[in-house]
Amino acid sequence: MKLKPLSDRVVLRQLEAEETTKSGIVLPGTAQEKPQQAEVVAVGPGGMVDGKEVKMQVKPGDKVIYSKYAGTEVKLGQDEYIIVKQNDILAIVG
């Protein structure tokens, strides 16, 4: 099954959480904070949103940082995705 986002929506695959801190402490799964970094899987076409023209600035394969409480989590089969609006994406990691 494939996700095709509409309008200014972007489908993200969350990157794995760090299991070890910089000082070498191993964190159990419950103590790990979800990372706010993700990889762009699919991008909507953009267009008119709330009366304004929206041009998509990200593309599949980009690594991005998104707002902490943004989006809707979706599970398809074994894969988990987050669907966010483009304005919930804060930066492209390059």
PDB file of N, CA and C in Angstrom:
ATOM      1  N   MET A   1       0.841  -1.178   0.000  1.00  0.00           N
ATOM      2  CA  MET A   1       0.000   0.000   0.000  1.00  0.00           C
ATOM      3  C   MET A   1       0.888   1.244   0.000  1.00  0.00           C
ATOM      4  N   LYS A   2       0.453   2.267  -0.696  1.00  0.00           N
ATOM      5  CA  LYS A   2       1.252   3.467  -0.852  1.00  0.00           C
ATOM      6  C   LYS A   2       0.467   4.676  -0.364  1.00  0.00           C
ATOM      7  N   LEU A   3       1.129   5.604   0.316  1.00  0.00           N
ATOM      8  CA  LEU A   3       0.491   6.833   0.774  1.00  0.00           C
ATOM      9  C   LEU A   3       0.767   7.945  -0.232  1.00  0.00           C
ATOM     10  N   LYS A   4      -0.282   8.644  -0.651  1.00  0.00           N
ATOM     11  CA  LYS A   4      -0.131   9.781  -1.550  1.00  0.00           C
ATOM     12  C   LYS A   4      -0.761  10.984  -0.855  1.00  0.00           C
ATOM     13  N   PRO A   5       0.062  11.889  -0.316  1.00  0.00           N
ATOM     14  CA  PRO A   5      -0.480  13.028   0.430  1.00  0.00           C
ATOM     15  C   PRO A   5      -1.187  14.021  -0.486  1.00  0.00           C
ATOM     16  N   LEU A   6      -2.164  14.713   0.057  1.00  0.00           N
ATOM     17  CA  LEU A   6      -2.913  15.723  -0.667  1.00  0.00           C
ATOM     18  C   LEU A   6      -2.468  17.110  -0.238  1.00  0.00           C
ATOM     19  N   SER A   7      -2.729  18.084  -1.078  1.00  0.00           N
ATOM     20  CA  SER A   7      -2.508  19.492  -0.767  1.00  0.00           C
ATOM     21  C   SER A   7      -1.073  19.755  -0.304  1.00  0.00           C
ATOM     22  N   ASP A   8      -0.908  20.395   0.858  1.00  0.00           N
ATOM     23  CA  ASP A   8       0.434  20.740   1.354  1.00  0.00           C
ATOM     24  C   ASP A   8       0.926  19.747   2.397  1.00  0.00           C
ATOM     25  N   ARG A   9       0.449  18.513   2.330  1.00  0.00           N
ATOM     26  CA  ARG A   9       0.842  17.498   3.305  1.00  0.00           C
ATOM     27  C   ARG A   9       2.128  16.791   2.868  1.00  0.00           C
ATOM     28  N   VAL A  10       2.874  16.303   3.870  1.00  0.00           N
ATOM     29  CA  VAL A  10       4.132  15.594   3.640  1.00  0.00           C
ATOM     30  C   VAL A  10       4.117  14.335   4.501  1.00  0.00           C
ATOM     31  N   VAL A  11       4.510  13.204   3.917  1.00  0.00           N
ATOM     32  CA  VAL A  11       4.597  11.942   4.658  1.00  0.00           C
ATOM     33  C   VAL A  11       6.046  11.764   5.094  1.00  0.00           C
ATOM     34  N   LEU A  12       6.244  11.538   6.401  1.00  0.00           N
ATOM     35  CA  LEU A  12       7.586  11.395   6.975  1.00  0.00           C
ATOM     36  C   LEU A  12       7.756  10.019   7.592  1.00  0.00           C
ATOM     37  N   ARG A  13       8.978   9.508   7.542  1.00  0.00           N
ATOM     38  CA  ARG A  13       9.355   8.288   8.270  1.00  0.00           C
ATOM     39  C   ARG A  13      10.338   8.735   9.337  1.00  0.00           C
ATOM     40  N   GLN A  14       9.964   8.530  10.586  1.00  0.00           N
ATOM     41  CA  GLN A  14      10.786   8.996  11.703  1.00  0.00           C
ATOM     42  C   GLN A  14      12.106   8.240  11.740  1.00  0.00           C
ATOM     43  N   LEU A  15      13.192   8.966  11.989  1.00  0.00           N
ATOM     44  CA  LEU A  15      14.510   8.349  12.130  1.00  0.00           C
ATOM     45  C   LEU A  15      14.602   7.686  13.492  1.00  0.00           C
ATOM     46  N   GLU A  16      15.456   6.692  13.608  1.00  0.00           N
ATOM     47  CA  GLU A  16      15.598   5.938  14.855  1.00  0.00           C
ATOM     48  C   GLU A  16      16.141   6.815  15.981  1.00  0.00           C
ATOM     49  N   ALA A  17      15.651   6.578  17.197  1.00  0.00           N
ATOM     50  CA  ALA A  17      16.117   7.310  18.375  1.00  0.00           C
ATOM     51  C   ALA A  17      17.505   6.831  18.773  1.00  0.00           C
ATOM     52  N   GLU A  18      18.275   7.734  19.322  1.00  0.00           N
ATOM     53  CA  GLU A  18      19.600   7.376  19.838  1.00  0.00           C
ATOM     54  C   GLU A  18      19.421   6.455  21.042  1.00  0.00           C
ATOM     55  N   GLU A  19      20.159   5.370  21.072  1.00  0.00           N
ATOM     56  CA  GLU A  19      20.062   4.442  22.194  1.00  0.00           C
ATOM     57  C   GLU A  19      21.142   4.689  23.242  1.00  0.00           C
ATOM     58  N   THR A  20      22.147   5.485  22.870  1.00  0.00           N
ATOM     59  CA  THR A  20      23.244   5.778  23.778  1.00  0.00           C
ATOM     60  C   THR A  20      23.476   7.284  23.791  1.00  0.00           C
ATOM     61  N   THR A  21      23.654   7.852  24.988  1.00  0.00           N
ATOM     62  CA  THR A  21      23.948   9.273  25.077  1.00  0.00           C
ATOM     63  C   THR A  21      25.383   9.528  24.640  1.00  0.00           C
ATOM     64  N   LYS A  22      25.758  10.806  24.478  1.00  0.00           N
ATOM     65  CA  LYS A  22      27.120  11.154  24.080  1.00  0.00           C
ATOM     66  C   LYS A  22      28.150  10.688  25.099  1.00  0.00           C
ATOM     67  N   SER A  23      27.740  10.606  26.362  1.00  0.00           N
ATOM     68  CA  SER A  23      28.669  10.160  27.401  1.00  0.00           C
ATOM     69  C   SER A  23      28.715   8.637  27.543  1.00  0.00           C
ATOM     70  N   GLY A  24      27.939   7.903  26.708  1.00  0.00           N
ATOM     71  CA  GLY A  24      28.011   6.447  26.703  1.00  0.00           C
ATOM     72  C   GLY A  24      26.962   5.743  27.531  1.00  0.00           C
ATOM     73  N   ILE A  25      25.998   6.471  28.081  1.00  0.00           N
ATOM     74  CA  ILE A  25      24.948   5.840  28.882  1.00  0.00           C
ATOM     75  C   ILE A  25      23.898   5.251  27.940  1.00  0.00           C
ATOM     76  N   VAL A  26      23.577   3.979  28.120  1.00  0.00           N
ATOM     77  CA  VAL A  26      22.575   3.311  27.286  1.00  0.00           C
ATOM     78  C   VAL A  26      21.192   3.601  27.862  1.00  0.00           C
ATOM     79  N   LEU A  27      20.272   4.089  27.015  1.00  0.00           N
ATOM     80  CA  LEU A  27      18.929   4.435  27.454  1.00  0.00           C
ATOM     81  C   LEU A  27      17.956   3.299  27.152  1.00  0.00           C
ATOM     82  N   PRO A  28      17.117   2.932  28.118  1.00  0.00           N
ATOM     83  CA  PRO A  28      16.076   1.946  27.811  1.00  0.00           C
ATOM     84  C   PRO A  28      15.036   2.568  26.888  1.00  0.00           C
ATOM     85  N   GLY A  29      14.261   1.740  26.194  1.00  0.00           N
ATOM     86  CA  GLY A  29      13.275   2.225  25.228  1.00  0.00           C
ATOM     87  C   GLY A  29      12.304   3.242  25.797  1.00  0.00           C
ATOM     88  N   THR A  30      11.900   3.087  27.063  1.00  0.00           N
ATOM     89  CA  THR A  30      10.927   4.001  27.659  1.00  0.00           C
ATOM     90  C   THR A  30      11.518   5.368  27.955  1.00  0.00           C
ATOM     91  N   ALA A  31      12.826   5.467  28.109  1.00  0.00           N
ATOM     92  CA  ALA A  31      13.464   6.742  28.437  1.00  0.00           C
ATOM     93  C   ALA A  31      13.862   7.523  27.197  1.00  0.00           C
ATOM     94  N   GLN A  32      13.817   6.864  26.047  1.00  0.00           N
ATOM     95  CA  GLN A  32      14.232   7.542  24.822  1.00  0.00           C
ATOM     96  C   GLN A  32      13.163   8.525  24.376  1.00  0.00           C
ATOM     97  N   GLU A  33      13.594   9.729  24.064  1.00  0.00           N
ATOM     98  CA  GLU A  33      12.682  10.723  23.538  1.00  0.00           C
ATOM     99  C   GLU A  33      12.595  10.533  22.030  1.00  0.00           C
ATOM    100  N   LYS A  34      11.379  10.638  21.493  1.00  0.00           N
ATOM    101  CA  LYS A  34      11.235  10.486  20.052  1.00  0.00           C
ATOM    102  C   LYS A  34      12.008  11.597  19.354  1.00  0.00           C
ATOM    103  N   PRO A  35      12.785  11.250  18.353  1.00  0.00           N
ATOM    104  CA  PRO A  35      13.524  12.290  17.642  1.00  0.00           C
ATOM    105  C   PRO A  35      12.572  13.129  16.805  1.00  0.00           C
ATOM    106  N   GLN A  36      12.956  14.355  16.560  1.00  0.00           N
ATOM    107  CA  GLN A  36      12.149  15.234  15.732  1.00  0.00           C
ATOM    108  C   GLN A  36      12.728  15.279  14.326  1.00  0.00           C
ATOM    109  N   GLN A  37      13.581  14.325  14.006  1.00  0.00           N
ATOM    110  CA  GLN A  37      14.141  14.225  12.667  1.00  0.00           C
ATOM    111  C   GLN A  37      13.454  13.103  11.929  1.00  0.00           C
ATOM    112  N   ALA A  38      13.227  13.322  10.637  1.00  0.00           N
ATOM    113  CA  ALA A  38      12.557  12.309   9.828  1.00  0.00           C
ATOM    114  C   ALA A  38      13.028  12.424   8.386  1.00  0.00           C
ATOM    115  N   GLU A  39      12.726  11.378   7.628  1.00  0.00           N
ATOM    116  CA  GLU A  39      13.016  11.380   6.204  1.00  0.00           C
ATOM    117  C   GLU A  39      11.706  11.567   5.460  1.00  0.00           C
ATOM    118  N   VAL A  40      11.711  12.435   4.441  1.00  0.00           N
ATOM    119  CA  VAL A  40      10.520  12.678   3.628  1.00  0.00           C
ATOM    120  C   VAL A  40      10.312  11.470   2.717  1.00  0.00           C
ATOM    121  N   VAL A  41       9.114  10.884   2.777  1.00  0.00           N
ATOM    122  CA  VAL A  41       8.775   9.726   1.962  1.00  0.00           C
ATOM    123  C   VAL A  41       7.970  10.148   0.738  1.00  0.00           C
ATOM    124  N   ALA A  42       7.002  11.055   0.935  1.00  0.00           N
ATOM    125  CA  ALA A  42       6.152  11.517  -0.163  1.00  0.00           C
ATOM    126  C   ALA A  42       5.721  12.955   0.109  1.00  0.00           C
ATOM    127  N   VAL A  43       5.453  13.693  -0.972  1.00  0.00           N
ATOM    128  CA  VAL A  43       5.101  15.108  -0.873  1.00  0.00           C
ATOM    129  C   VAL A  43       3.846  15.355  -1.698  1.00  0.00           C
ATOM    130  N   GLY A  44       2.912  16.113  -1.123  1.00  0.00           N
ATOM    131  CA  GLY A  44       1.699  16.488  -1.849  1.00  0.00           C
ATOM    132  C   GLY A  44       2.013  17.486  -2.951  1.00  0.00           C
ATOM    133  N   PRO A  45       1.017  17.809  -3.777  1.00  0.00           N
ATOM    134  CA  PRO A  45       1.244  18.693  -4.918  1.00  0.00           C
ATOM    135  C   PRO A  45       1.304  20.185  -4.585  1.00  0.00           C
ATOM    136  N   GLY A  46       0.945  20.570  -3.365  1.00  0.00           N
ATOM    137  CA  GLY A  46       0.896  22.000  -3.038  1.00  0.00           C
ATOM    138  C   GLY A  46      -0.412  22.577  -3.559  1.00  0.00           C
ATOM    139  N   GLY A  47      -0.374  23.802  -4.079  1.00  0.00           N
ATOM    140  CA  GLY A  47      -1.587  24.424  -4.620  1.00  0.00           C
ATOM    141  C   GLY A  47      -2.121  25.484  -3.691  1.00  0.00           C
ATOM    142  N   MET A  48      -3.432  25.729  -3.776  1.00  0.00           N
ATOM    143  CA  MET A  48      -4.064  26.761  -2.963  1.00  0.00           C
ATOM    144  C   MET A  48      -4.465  26.182  -1.605  1.00  0.00           C
ATOM    145  N   VAL A  49      -3.956  26.802  -0.535  1.00  0.00           N
ATOM    146  CA  VAL A  49      -4.307  26.408   0.829  1.00  0.00           C
ATOM    147  C   VAL A  49      -4.698  27.668   1.571  1.00  0.00           C
ATOM    148  N   ASP A  50      -5.930  27.720   2.061  1.00  0.00           N
ATOM    149  CA  ASP A  50      -6.463  28.896   2.765  1.00  0.00           C
ATOM    150  C   ASP A  50      -6.300  30.163   1.927  1.00  0.00           C
ATOM    151  N   GLY A  51      -6.522  30.051   0.633  1.00  0.00           N
ATOM    152  CA  GLY A  51      -6.470  31.212  -0.254  1.00  0.00           C
ATOM    153  C   GLY A  51      -5.078  31.675  -0.627  1.00  0.00           C
ATOM    154  N   LYS A  52      -4.057  30.914  -0.244  1.00  0.00           N
ATOM    155  CA  LYS A  52      -2.679  31.282  -0.564  1.00  0.00           C
ATOM    156  C   LYS A  52      -2.036  30.184  -1.387  1.00  0.00           C
ATOM    157  N   GLU A  53      -1.194  30.573  -2.342  1.00  0.00           N
ATOM    158  CA  GLU A  53      -0.454  29.612  -3.161  1.00  0.00           C
ATOM    159  C   GLU A  53       0.662  28.985  -2.321  1.00  0.00           C
ATOM    160  N   VAL A  54       0.708  27.652  -2.269  1.00  0.00           N
ATOM    161  CA  VAL A  54       1.744  26.951  -1.510  1.00  0.00           C
ATOM    162  C   VAL A  54       2.604  26.166  -2.489  1.00  0.00           C
ATOM    163  N   LYS A  55       3.910  26.461  -2.489  1.00  0.00           N
ATOM    164  CA  LYS A  55       4.861  25.692  -3.290  1.00  0.00           C
ATOM    165  C   LYS A  55       5.609  24.769  -2.348  1.00  0.00           C
ATOM    166  N   MET A  56       5.726  23.523  -2.738  1.00  0.00           N
ATOM    167  CA  MET A  56       6.388  22.541  -1.877  1.00  0.00           C
ATOM    168  C   MET A  56       7.902  22.759  -1.919  1.00  0.00           C
ATOM    169  N   GLN A  57       8.519  22.823  -0.745  1.00  0.00           N
ATOM    170  CA  GLN A  57       9.947  23.112  -0.627  1.00  0.00           C
ATOM    171  C   GLN A  57      10.768  21.894  -0.244  1.00  0.00           C
ATOM    172  N   VAL A  58      10.102  20.779   0.016  1.00  0.00           N
ATOM    173  CA  VAL A  58      10.818  19.543   0.344  1.00  0.00           C
ATOM    174  C   VAL A  58      10.531  18.513  -0.736  1.00  0.00           C
ATOM    175  N   LYS A  59      11.393  17.501  -0.798  1.00  0.00           N
ATOM    176  CA  LYS A  59      11.208  16.430  -1.781  1.00  0.00           C
ATOM    177  C   LYS A  59      11.525  15.095  -1.113  1.00  0.00           C
ATOM    178  N   PRO A  60      11.026  13.992  -1.675  1.00  0.00           N
ATOM    179  CA  PRO A  60      11.333  12.689  -1.094  1.00  0.00           C
ATOM    180  C   PRO A  60      12.845  12.479  -0.965  1.00  0.00           C
ATOM    181  N   GLY A  61      13.240  11.927   0.179  1.00  0.00           N
ATOM    182  CA  GLY A  61      14.659  11.695   0.452  1.00  0.00           C
ATOM    183  C   GLY A  61      15.281  12.753   1.341  1.00  0.00           C
ATOM    184  N   ASP A  62      14.663  13.946   1.435  1.00  0.00           N
ATOM    185  CA  ASP A  62      15.181  14.996   2.318  1.00  0.00           C
ATOM    186  C   ASP A  62      15.089  14.547   3.768  1.00  0.00           C
ATOM    187  N   LYS A  63      16.066  14.926   4.580  1.00  0.00           N
ATOM    188  CA  LYS A  63      16.009  14.713   6.023  1.00  0.00           C
ATOM    189  C   LYS A  63      15.585  16.060   6.621  1.00  0.00           C
ATOM    190  N   VAL A  64      14.569  16.029   7.474  1.00  0.00           N
ATOM    191  CA  VAL A  64      13.996  17.263   7.996  1.00  0.00           C
ATOM    192  C   VAL A  64      13.833  17.202   9.506  1.00  0.00           C
ATOM    193  N   ILE A  65      13.665  18.384  10.098  1.00  0.00           N
ATOM    194  CA  ILE A  65      13.307  18.521  11.509  1.00  0.00           C
ATOM    195  C   ILE A  65      11.904  19.110  11.529  1.00  0.00           C
ATOM    196  N   TYR A  66      11.012  18.494  12.318  1.00  0.00           N
ATOM    197  CA  TYR A  66       9.623  18.954  12.344  1.00  0.00           C
ATOM    198  C   TYR A  66       9.203  19.299  13.774  1.00  0.00           C
ATOM    199  N   SER A  67       8.104  20.036  13.897  1.00  0.00           N
ATOM    200  CA  SER A  67       7.584  20.446  15.208  1.00  0.00           C
ATOM    201  C   SER A  67       7.275  19.237  16.068  1.00  0.00           C
ATOM    202  N   LYS A  68       7.532  19.369  17.351  1.00  0.00           N
ATOM    203  CA  LYS A  68       7.430  18.248  18.289  1.00  0.00           C
ATOM    204  C   LYS A  68       6.053  17.588  18.316  1.00  0.00           C
ATOM    205  N   TYR A  69       4.995  18.360  18.328  1.00  0.00           N
ATOM    206  CA  TYR A  69       3.655  17.778  18.461  1.00  0.00           C
ATOM    207  C   TYR A  69       2.867  17.850  17.159  1.00  0.00           C
ATOM    208  N   ALA A  70       3.552  17.917  16.040  1.00  0.00           N
ATOM    209  CA  ALA A  70       2.898  18.060  14.744  1.00  0.00           C
ATOM    210  C   ALA A  70       2.488  16.715  14.173  1.00  0.00           C
ATOM    211  N   GLY A  71       1.478  16.744  13.338  1.00  0.00           N
ATOM    212  CA  GLY A  71       1.166  15.616  12.489  1.00  0.00           C
ATOM    213  C   GLY A  71       0.275  14.545  13.078  1.00  0.00           C
ATOM    214  N   THR A  72      -0.009  13.583  12.213  1.00  0.00           N
ATOM    215  CA  THR A  72      -0.840  12.439  12.542  1.00  0.00           C
ATOM    216  C   THR A  72      -0.031  11.181  12.292  1.00  0.00           C
ATOM    217  N   GLU A  73       0.053  10.318  13.293  1.00  0.00           N
ATOM    218  CA  GLU A  73       0.796   9.069  13.126  1.00  0.00           C
ATOM    219  C   GLU A  73      -0.090   8.038  12.457  1.00  0.00           C
ATOM    220  N   VAL A  74       0.473   7.339  11.462  1.00  0.00           N
ATOM    221  CA  VAL A  74      -0.261   6.347  10.683  1.00  0.00           C
ATOM    222  C   VAL A  74       0.585   5.089  10.593  1.00  0.00           C
ATOM    223  N   LYS A  75      -0.049   3.919  10.743  1.00  0.00           N
ATOM    224  CA  LYS A  75       0.671   2.664  10.613  1.00  0.00           C
ATOM    225  C   LYS A  75       0.076   1.896   9.434  1.00  0.00           C
ATOM    226  N   LEU A  76       0.922   1.550   8.469  1.00  0.00           N
ATOM    227  CA  LEU A  76       0.512   0.741   7.322  1.00  0.00           C
ATOM    228  C   LEU A  76       1.370  -0.514   7.317  1.00  0.00           C
ATOM    229  N   GLY A  77       0.762  -1.648   7.603  1.00  0.00           N
ATOM    230  CA  GLY A  77       1.530  -2.881   7.723  1.00  0.00           C
ATOM    231  C   GLY A  77       2.494  -2.759   8.884  1.00  0.00           C
ATOM    232  N   GLN A  78       3.772  -2.988   8.622  1.00  0.00           N
ATOM    233  CA  GLN A  78       4.804  -2.887   9.659  1.00  0.00           C
ATOM    234  C   GLN A  78       5.402  -1.481   9.741  1.00  0.00           C
ATOM    235  N   ASP A  79       5.085  -0.633   8.769  1.00  0.00           N
ATOM    236  CA  ASP A  79       5.702   0.695   8.689  1.00  0.00           C
ATOM    237  C   ASP A  79       4.861   1.752   9.391  1.00  0.00           C
ATOM    238  N   GLU A  80       5.552   2.672  10.084  1.00  0.00           N
ATOM    239  CA  GLU A  80       4.878   3.785  10.746  1.00  0.00           C
ATOM    240  C   GLU A  80       5.307   5.086  10.081  1.00  0.00           C
ATOM    241  N   TYR A  81       4.334   5.969   9.834  1.00  0.00           N
ATOM    242  CA  TYR A  81       4.589   7.238   9.182  1.00  0.00           C
ATOM    243  C   TYR A  81       3.941   8.356   9.980  1.00  0.00           C
ATOM    244  N   ILE A  82       4.380   9.581   9.693  1.00  0.00           N
ATOM    245  CA  ILE A  82       3.771  10.771  10.268  1.00  0.00           C
ATOM    246  C   ILE A  82       3.389  11.658   9.091  1.00  0.00           C
ATOM    247  N   ILE A  83       2.144  12.116   9.073  1.00  0.00           N
ATOM    248  CA  ILE A  83       1.693  13.019   8.020  1.00  0.00           C
ATOM    249  C   ILE A  83       1.581  14.408   8.631  1.00  0.00           C
ATOM    250  N   VAL A  84       2.332  15.364   8.078  1.00  0.00           N
ATOM    251  CA  VAL A  84       2.361  16.736   8.596  1.00  0.00           C
ATOM    252  C   VAL A  84       2.076  17.718   7.468  1.00  0.00           C
ATOM    253  N   LYS A  85       1.685  18.928   7.850  1.00  0.00           N
ATOM    254  CA  LYS A  85       1.595  20.017   6.878  1.00  0.00           C
ATOM    255  C   LYS A  85       3.015  20.522   6.643  1.00  0.00           C
ATOM    256  N   GLN A  86       3.244  21.068   5.461  1.00  0.00           N
ATOM    257  CA  GLN A  86       4.593  21.548   5.164  1.00  0.00           C
ATOM    258  C   GLN A  86       5.048  22.616   6.157  1.00  0.00           C
ATOM    259  N   ASN A  87       4.132  23.459   6.650  1.00  0.00           N
ATOM    260  CA  ASN A  87       4.560  24.516   7.588  1.00  0.00           C
ATOM    261  C   ASN A  87       4.916  23.980   8.972  1.00  0.00           C
ATOM    262  N   ASP A  88       4.691  22.669   9.231  1.00  0.00           N
ATOM    263  CA  ASP A  88       5.152  22.040  10.475  1.00  0.00           C
ATOM    264  C   ASP A  88       6.610  21.581  10.370  1.00  0.00           C
ATOM    265  N   ILE A  89       7.171  21.632   9.156  1.00  0.00           N
ATOM    266  CA  ILE A  89       8.569  21.283   8.960  1.00  0.00           C
ATOM    267  C   ILE A  89       9.398  22.537   9.206  1.00  0.00           C
ATOM    268  N   LEU A  90      10.351  22.431  10.130  1.00  0.00           N
ATOM    269  CA  LEU A  90      11.120  23.593  10.557  1.00  0.00           C
ATOM    270  C   LEU A  90      12.388  23.799   9.738  1.00  0.00           C
ATOM    271  N   ALA A  91      13.024  22.700   9.304  1.00  0.00           N
ATOM    272  CA  ALA A  91      14.301  22.827   8.595  1.00  0.00           C
ATOM    273  C   ALA A  91      14.612  21.561   7.824  1.00  0.00           C
ATOM    274  N   ILE A  92      15.436  21.724   6.784  1.00  0.00           N
ATOM    275  CA  ILE A  92      15.970  20.588   6.041  1.00  0.00           C
ATOM    276  C   ILE A  92      17.395  20.396   6.542  1.00  0.00           C
ATOM    277  N   VAL A  93      17.728  19.162   6.934  1.00  0.00           N
ATOM    278  CA  VAL A  93      19.071  18.852   7.431  1.00  0.00           C
ATOM    279  C   VAL A  93      19.919  18.497   6.234  1.00  0.00           C
ATOM    280  N   GLY A  94      21.018  19.198   6.051  1.00  0.00           N
ATOM    281  CA  GLY A  94      21.832  18.950   4.856  1.00  0.00           C
ATOM    282  C   GLY A  94      23.225  18.849   5.190  1.00  0.00           C
TER     283      GLY A  94
END
